[in-house]
């Protein structure tokens, strides 16, 4: 019987965690799509690329949200137990002290998931995301081909018969500034430093202006357009795992490494107090009050931690020892509050 009860609790807890993750990540995914498109290119040929690219960044949002998601999952499970009166049976026949195996399974499973996601999956996918995001944003600034035509204002017009990804075939182009007319088998666009490079392959070039009148054949011709609005890749903390942050010379990155170490303890603590929340027995009015207090308490913990990180970066008298001391003191008080919650309060 107890074996089935353990499986029942684990299954439902993980179910609610996954539901919360999917809901929150879905909302974040949609907001990220709108952010890249900047609400002015909502229907473009690159919309599918934007959707696929923003999917890569989702794992990096799981780690900062996980303490809240774990709390919400424990709320849902506790409410389920209270609504169906299962909590009465569980409190009579199921003791957490006698089921340490349940605690170890939940603790170990969630912690491993958190570690792998934070240190491996998020870091690798985030780097790919930033590269692809820059490419998309720069392409949106450049313009979007339509109806076999591509126009860069006051610079060049390109006419083509077929397009495959970022490559055009059977191309005819007009370069306005120099009075150049180009016909080539294919053309592509690349970004290099602060330039858009239009690369024409195998074709002919006619120049008609006051200085020059000529016709030449070429295997490869590159026309560069300078654009100071081109965005370059800047490495931020999400590009590095915890070990790399702790060994970084940048003070801000170094302190973020310690922030991540603290977050591991925070997740362990939330898992531990979630097991207590499972078995809180209270009427509907009291149970919602408990949920609000616990969620608000977690929010305060996160706000204080963010402020302490700010002090580390901006106050020379505040050091890493004070950071850990204050955070662990607050976390201990919060845990004590949860563990001493009375049933039917």
Protein backbone atom coordinates (compact mmCIF):
# COMPACT_ATOMS: atom_id res chain seq x y z
CA UNK A 1 0.00 0.00 0.00
CA UNK A 2 2.74 2.43 1.02
CA UNK A 3 4.66 1.69 -2.17
CA UNK A 4 1.64 2.71 -4.20
CA UNK A 5 1.22 5.84 -2.09
CA UNK A 6 4.84 6.86 -2.73
CA UNK A 7 4.38 6.43 -6.47
CA UNK A 8 1.10 8.36 -6.33
CA UNK A 9 2.71 11.33 -4.57
CA UNK A 10 5.79 11.38 -6.84
CA UNK A 11 3.71 11.08 -10.01
CA UNK A 12 1.35 13.90 -9.08
CA UNK A 13 4.13 16.19 -7.88
CA UNK A 14 6.11 15.75 -11.10
CA UNK A 15 2.91 16.14 -13.11
CA UNK A 16 2.20 19.54 -11.61
CA UNK A 17 5.83 20.61 -12.04
CA UNK A 18 5.68 19.75 -15.76
CA UNK A 19 2.32 21.51 -16.19
CA UNK A 20 3.73 24.67 -14.61
CA UNK A 21 6.89 24.50 -16.72
CA UNK A 22 4.93 24.13 -19.96
CA UNK A 23 2.54 26.98 -19.12
CA UNK A 24 5.22 29.45 -18.10
CA UNK A 25 7.60 28.51 -20.92
CA UNK A 26 4.75 28.83 -23.41
CA UNK A 27 4.09 32.39 -22.27
CA UNK A 28 7.80 33.21 -22.34
CA UNK A 29 8.18 31.66 -25.79
CA UNK A 30 5.41 33.85 -27.18
CA UNK A 31 6.87 36.99 -25.60
CA UNK A 32 10.32 36.19 -26.99
CA UNK A 33 8.88 35.82 -30.50
CA UNK A 34 7.23 39.24 -30.21
CA UNK A 35 10.43 40.75 -28.81
CA UNK A 36 12.53 39.64 -31.78
CA UNK A 37 9.93 40.68 -34.33
CA UNK A 38 9.52 43.97 -32.43
CA UNK A 39 5.79 43.89 -33.29
CA UNK A 40 6.42 45.40 -36.72
CA UNK A 41 7.36 42.33 -38.71
CA UNK A 42 4.69 39.99 -37.40
CA UNK A 43 4.21 38.25 -40.74
CA UNK A 44 7.48 37.64 -42.54
CA UNK A 45 9.26 34.89 -44.39
CA UNK A 46 11.47 34.57 -41.32
CA UNK A 47 8.63 33.94 -38.87
CA UNK A 48 9.35 30.19 -38.81
CA UNK A 49 13.03 30.91 -38.11
CA UNK A 50 12.03 33.20 -35.24
CA UNK A 51 9.78 30.53 -33.72
CA UNK A 52 12.47 27.85 -34.00
CA UNK A 53 15.18 30.16 -32.67
CA UNK A 54 13.28 31.32 -29.59
CA UNK A 55 12.74 27.67 -28.66
CA UNK A 56 16.50 27.44 -28.01
CA UNK A 57 16.39 30.01 -25.20
CA UNK A 58 13.61 28.37 -23.18
CA UNK A 59 15.87 26.10 -21.02
CA UNK A 60 17.68 29.17 -19.68
CA UNK A 61 14.38 30.40 -18.18
CA UNK A 62 13.71 27.19 -16.27
CA UNK A 63 16.46 27.63 -13.66
CA UNK A 64 15.45 31.05 -12.28
CA UNK A 65 11.78 30.02 -12.31
CA UNK A 66 12.23 26.57 -10.77
CA UNK A 67 11.87 27.56 -7.06
CA UNK A 68 8.53 29.20 -7.84
CA UNK A 69 7.42 26.30 -10.05
CA UNK A 70 8.25 23.80 -7.30
CA UNK A 71 6.23 25.82 -4.80
CA UNK A 72 3.26 26.07 -7.17
CA UNK A 73 3.40 22.32 -7.82
CA UNK A 74 3.34 21.63 -4.07
CA UNK A 75 0.36 24.01 -3.71
CA UNK A 76 -1.57 22.18 -6.42
CA UNK A 77 -0.80 18.79 -4.89
CA UNK A 78 -1.76 19.93 -1.39
CA UNK A 79 -4.99 21.46 -2.68
CA UNK A 80 -5.80 18.16 -4.44
CA UNK A 81 -5.23 16.24 -1.20
CA UNK A 82 -7.34 18.68 0.82
CA UNK A 83 -10.19 18.87 -1.71
CA UNK A 84 -10.60 15.09 -1.90
CA UNK A 85 -9.93 14.52 1.84
CA UNK A 86 -7.01 12.30 0.85
CA UNK A 87 -4.95 14.38 3.25
CA UNK A 88 -6.74 12.76 6.22
CA UNK A 89 -5.81 9.26 5.10
CA UNK A 90 -2.25 10.26 4.25
CA UNK A 91 -1.67 11.91 7.62
CA UNK A 92 -2.98 8.83 9.42
CA UNK A 93 -1.12 6.12 7.55
CA UNK A 94 1.75 7.86 5.79
CA UNK A 95 4.63 9.36 7.77
CA UNK A 96 7.33 11.31 5.97
CA UNK A 97 9.84 10.33 8.65
CA UNK A 98 9.31 6.68 7.76
CA UNK A 99 9.55 7.36 4.02
CA UNK A 100 12.95 8.94 3.64
CA UNK A 101 13.29 7.03 0.36
CA UNK A 102 10.54 9.22 -1.10
CA UNK A 103 12.43 12.33 -0.10
CA UNK A 104 15.68 11.05 -1.64
CA UNK A 105 14.03 10.18 -4.97
CA UNK A 106 12.37 13.59 -5.32
CA UNK A 107 15.45 15.48 -4.11
CA UNK A 108 17.91 13.62 -6.30
CA UNK A 109 15.74 13.62 -9.43
CA UNK A 110 14.90 17.34 -9.39
CA UNK A 111 18.43 18.38 -8.42
CA UNK A 112 20.01 16.38 -11.27
CA UNK A 113 17.52 17.88 -13.72
CA UNK A 114 18.32 21.37 -12.42
CA UNK A 115 22.09 20.79 -12.64
CA UNK A 116 22.08 19.34 -16.17
CA UNK A 117 19.75 22.04 -17.45
CA UNK A 118 21.72 24.88 -15.85
CA UNK A 119 25.28 23.78 -16.53
CA UNK A 120 25.01 21.99 -19.87
CA UNK A 121 21.75 22.35 -21.76
CA UNK A 122 21.06 26.04 -21.12
CA UNK A 123 24.62 27.18 -21.79
CA UNK A 124 24.96 25.35 -25.10
CA UNK A 125 21.52 26.25 -26.44
CA UNK A 126 21.73 29.86 -25.27
CA UNK A 127 24.89 30.45 -27.29
CA UNK A 128 23.24 29.03 -30.41
CA UNK A 129 20.17 31.16 -29.68
CA UNK A 130 22.13 34.42 -29.43
CA UNK A 131 23.95 33.76 -32.71
CA UNK A 132 20.71 32.95 -34.52
CA UNK A 133 18.86 35.86 -32.87
CA UNK A 134 21.50 38.34 -34.06
CA UNK A 135 21.28 36.93 -37.56
CA UNK A 136 17.49 37.30 -37.59
CA UNK A 137 17.48 40.79 -36.07
CA UNK A 138 20.12 42.01 -38.50
CA UNK A 139 18.25 40.48 -41.42
CA UNK A 140 15.05 42.19 -40.29
CA UNK A 141 16.91 45.50 -40.24
CA UNK A 142 18.23 44.76 -43.72
CA UNK A 143 14.80 43.94 -45.12
CA UNK A 144 12.73 40.98 -46.20
CA UNK A 145 12.53 39.66 -49.78
CA UNK A 146 9.05 39.55 -51.31
CA UNK A 147 7.60 38.60 -54.70
CA UNK A 148 11.05 37.74 -56.08
CA UNK A 149 12.35 41.21 -55.31
CA UNK A 150 14.66 42.55 -52.61
CA UNK A 151 15.20 46.26 -52.09
CA UNK A 152 17.68 47.97 -49.78
CA UNK A 153 16.63 51.61 -49.72
CA UNK A 154 18.91 53.97 -51.69
CA UNK A 155 21.47 51.21 -52.13
CA UNK A 156 20.51 48.25 -54.30
CA UNK A 157 17.57 46.41 -55.82
CA UNK A 158 17.81 42.67 -56.45
CA UNK A 159 15.48 40.68 -58.70
CA UNK A 160 15.60 36.89 -58.65
CA UNK A 161 13.71 33.84 -59.89
CA UNK A 162 14.21 31.54 -56.90
CA UNK A 163 15.26 31.79 -53.27
CA UNK A 164 16.49 28.98 -51.01
CA UNK A 165 17.10 30.16 -47.45
CA UNK A 166 19.50 33.12 -47.73
CA UNK A 167 20.62 32.45 -51.29
CA UNK A 168 19.11 33.87 -54.52
CA UNK A 169 19.28 32.33 -58.01
CA UNK A 170 19.11 33.84 -61.53
CA UNK A 171 19.83 37.29 -60.17
CA UNK A 172 19.64 40.73 -61.74
CA UNK A 173 20.67 43.68 -59.57
CA UNK A 174 20.92 47.46 -59.77
CA UNK A 175 23.43 49.30 -57.58
CA UNK A 176 22.24 52.91 -57.55
CA UNK A 177 25.25 54.82 -56.28
CA UNK A 178 27.74 53.65 -58.94
CA UNK A 179 25.27 53.00 -61.75
CA UNK A 180 26.07 49.30 -61.82
CA UNK A 181 23.93 46.61 -63.44
CA UNK A 182 24.70 43.02 -62.45
CA UNK A 183 23.49 39.70 -63.75
CA UNK A 184 24.70 36.54 -61.98
CA UNK A 185 23.83 32.91 -61.47
CA UNK A 186 23.41 33.34 -57.75
CA UNK A 187 23.85 35.77 -54.88
CA UNK A 188 23.90 35.63 -51.09
CA UNK A 189 24.09 38.07 -48.19
CA UNK A 190 26.46 37.80 -45.24
CA UNK A 191 27.20 40.04 -42.26
CA UNK A 192 30.82 40.87 -41.50
CA UNK A 193 31.68 43.31 -38.72
CA UNK A 194 29.60 46.41 -39.50
CA UNK A 195 28.94 45.58 -43.16
CA UNK A 196 26.31 43.75 -45.16
CA UNK A 197 28.13 41.94 -47.96
CA UNK A 198 26.17 41.01 -51.08
CA UNK A 199 28.12 38.25 -52.82
CA UNK A 200 27.43 37.67 -56.53
CA UNK A 201 28.78 34.50 -58.15
CA UNK A 202 29.51 33.95 -61.86
CA UNK A 203 28.04 36.78 -63.83
CA UNK A 204 28.51 40.05 -65.70
CA UNK A 205 28.75 43.61 -64.44
CA UNK A 206 27.96 46.75 -66.44
CA UNK A 207 29.05 50.17 -65.10
CA UNK A 208 27.44 53.29 -66.55
CA UNK A 209 28.33 56.57 -64.85
CA UNK A 210 30.17 59.80 -65.59
CA UNK A 211 33.54 58.31 -64.62
CA UNK A 212 33.39 54.83 -66.10
CA UNK A 213 31.55 52.90 -68.79
CA UNK A 214 32.52 49.21 -68.88
CA UNK A 215 31.35 45.63 -69.05
CA UNK A 216 33.20 42.83 -67.23
CA UNK A 217 32.68 39.19 -66.38
CA UNK A 218 33.43 37.84 -62.90
CA UNK A 219 33.51 34.64 -60.91
CA UNK A 220 32.87 36.46 -57.65
CA UNK A 221 31.92 40.06 -56.92
CA UNK A 222 31.27 41.51 -53.45
CA UNK A 223 29.33 44.70 -52.84
CA UNK A 224 29.53 46.00 -49.24
CA UNK A 225 27.03 48.22 -47.47
CA UNK A 226 28.08 49.81 -44.20
CA UNK A 227 25.43 49.76 -41.49
CA UNK A 228 26.22 51.02 -38.00
CA UNK A 229 23.00 49.51 -36.64
CA UNK A 230 24.29 45.95 -37.10
CA UNK A 231 24.34 44.19 -33.73
CA UNK A 232 27.37 42.16 -32.65
CA UNK A 233 27.44 39.21 -30.25
CA UNK A 234 28.17 40.23 -26.67
CA UNK A 235 28.89 37.48 -24.15
CA UNK A 236 26.77 37.65 -21.01
CA UNK A 237 26.52 35.44 -17.94
CA UNK A 238 24.19 32.94 -19.63
CA UNK A 239 27.02 31.95 -21.99
CA UNK A 240 28.99 30.44 -19.09
CA UNK A 241 28.50 27.61 -16.63
CA UNK A 242 29.05 28.10 -12.90
CA UNK A 243 32.68 26.97 -12.93
CA UNK A 244 33.52 29.38 -15.76
CA UNK A 245 31.80 32.25 -13.95
CA UNK A 246 33.72 31.60 -10.73
CA UNK A 247 36.99 31.68 -12.66
CA UNK A 248 36.12 34.77 -14.69
CA UNK A 249 38.17 37.96 -14.22
CA UNK A 250 35.08 40.11 -14.62
CA UNK A 251 33.82 40.98 -11.12
CA UNK A 252 30.17 40.92 -12.16
CA UNK A 253 30.49 37.46 -13.71
CA UNK A 254 32.40 36.18 -10.67
CA UNK A 255 29.61 37.25 -8.31
CA UNK A 256 27.03 35.68 -10.60
CA UNK A 257 28.93 32.41 -10.15
CA UNK A 258 28.39 32.65 -6.39
CA UNK A 259 24.76 33.55 -7.03
CA UNK A 260 24.37 30.29 -8.91
CA UNK A 261 25.95 28.34 -6.04
CA UNK A 262 23.43 29.88 -3.68
CA UNK A 263 20.60 29.03 -6.08
CA UNK A 264 21.54 25.34 -5.77
CA UNK A 265 20.99 25.57 -2.01
CA UNK A 266 17.76 27.48 -2.61
CA UNK A 267 16.38 24.74 -4.88
CA UNK A 268 17.34 22.04 -2.34
CA UNK A 269 15.58 24.02 0.38
CA UNK A 270 12.42 24.50 -1.71
CA UNK A 271 12.28 20.77 -2.47
CA UNK A 272 12.59 20.05 1.24
CA UNK A 273 9.82 22.45 2.31
CA UNK A 274 7.61 21.25 -0.57
CA UNK A 275 7.44 17.88 1.17
CA UNK A 276 6.07 19.68 4.22
CA UNK A 277 3.55 21.62 2.12
CA UNK A 278 2.18 18.35 0.71
CA UNK A 279 0.72 17.41 4.09
CA UNK A 280 -0.62 20.73 5.40
CA UNK A 281 -4.22 20.10 6.46
CA UNK A 282 -6.37 23.24 6.48
CA UNK A 283 -9.74 24.56 5.41
CA UNK A 284 -10.08 26.34 2.07
CA UNK A 285 -9.75 29.84 3.49
CA UNK A 286 -6.65 29.02 5.52
CA UNK A 287 -4.97 27.01 2.81
CA UNK A 288 -5.09 29.86 0.31
CA UNK A 289 -3.72 32.21 2.95
CA UNK A 290 -0.81 29.80 3.47
CA UNK A 291 -0.15 29.63 -0.26
CA UNK A 292 -0.10 33.42 -0.55
CA UNK A 293 2.28 33.79 2.40
CA UNK A 294 4.66 31.15 1.09
CA UNK A 295 4.72 32.53 -2.44
CA UNK A 296 5.19 36.07 -1.19
CA UNK A 297 7.98 34.83 1.10
CA UNK A 298 9.78 33.22 -1.84
CA UNK A 299 9.39 36.43 -3.82
CA UNK A 300 10.98 38.41 -0.98
CA UNK A 301 13.88 35.94 -0.85
CA UNK A 302 14.54 36.45 -4.56
CA UNK A 303 14.29 40.25 -4.29
CA UNK A 304 16.71 40.35 -1.35
CA UNK A 305 19.14 38.10 -3.20
CA UNK A 306 19.05 40.40 -6.23
CA UNK A 307 19.70 43.40 -3.99
CA UNK A 308 22.65 41.63 -2.35
CA UNK A 309 24.13 40.95 -5.80
CA UNK A 310 23.73 44.65 -6.53
CA UNK A 311 25.62 45.48 -3.32
CA UNK A 312 28.42 43.09 -4.24
CA UNK A 313 28.90 44.93 -7.52
CA UNK A 314 28.55 48.46 -6.19
CA UNK A 315 29.56 48.55 -2.52
CA UNK A 316 33.18 47.83 -1.62
CA UNK A 317 32.31 47.31 2.05
CA UNK A 318 29.94 44.46 1.21
CA UNK A 319 31.72 41.17 0.50
CA UNK A 320 30.87 37.62 -0.46
CA UNK A 321 30.78 36.43 3.17
CA UNK A 322 28.00 38.89 4.03
CA UNK A 323 26.19 37.78 0.87
CA UNK A 324 26.07 34.12 1.96
CA UNK A 325 25.44 34.94 5.64
CA UNK A 326 22.39 37.12 4.96
CA UNK A 327 20.96 34.82 2.31
CA UNK A 328 21.30 31.66 4.42
CA UNK A 329 19.89 33.40 7.48
CA UNK A 330 16.78 34.50 5.55
CA UNK A 331 16.46 31.07 3.93
CA UNK A 332 16.68 29.40 7.35
CA UNK A 333 13.96 31.65 8.77
CA UNK A 334 11.71 30.94 5.79
CA UNK A 335 12.25 27.18 6.15
CA UNK A 336 11.52 27.35 9.88
CA UNK A 337 8.30 29.24 9.17
CA UNK A 338 7.14 26.58 6.70
CA UNK A 339 8.05 23.66 8.95
CA UNK A 340 6.15 25.16 11.89
CA UNK A 341 2.94 25.88 9.99
CA UNK A 342 0.05 24.47 11.99
CA UNK A 343 -2.68 22.35 10.49
CA UNK A 344 -6.20 23.80 10.48
CA UNK A 345 -4.86 27.31 11.14
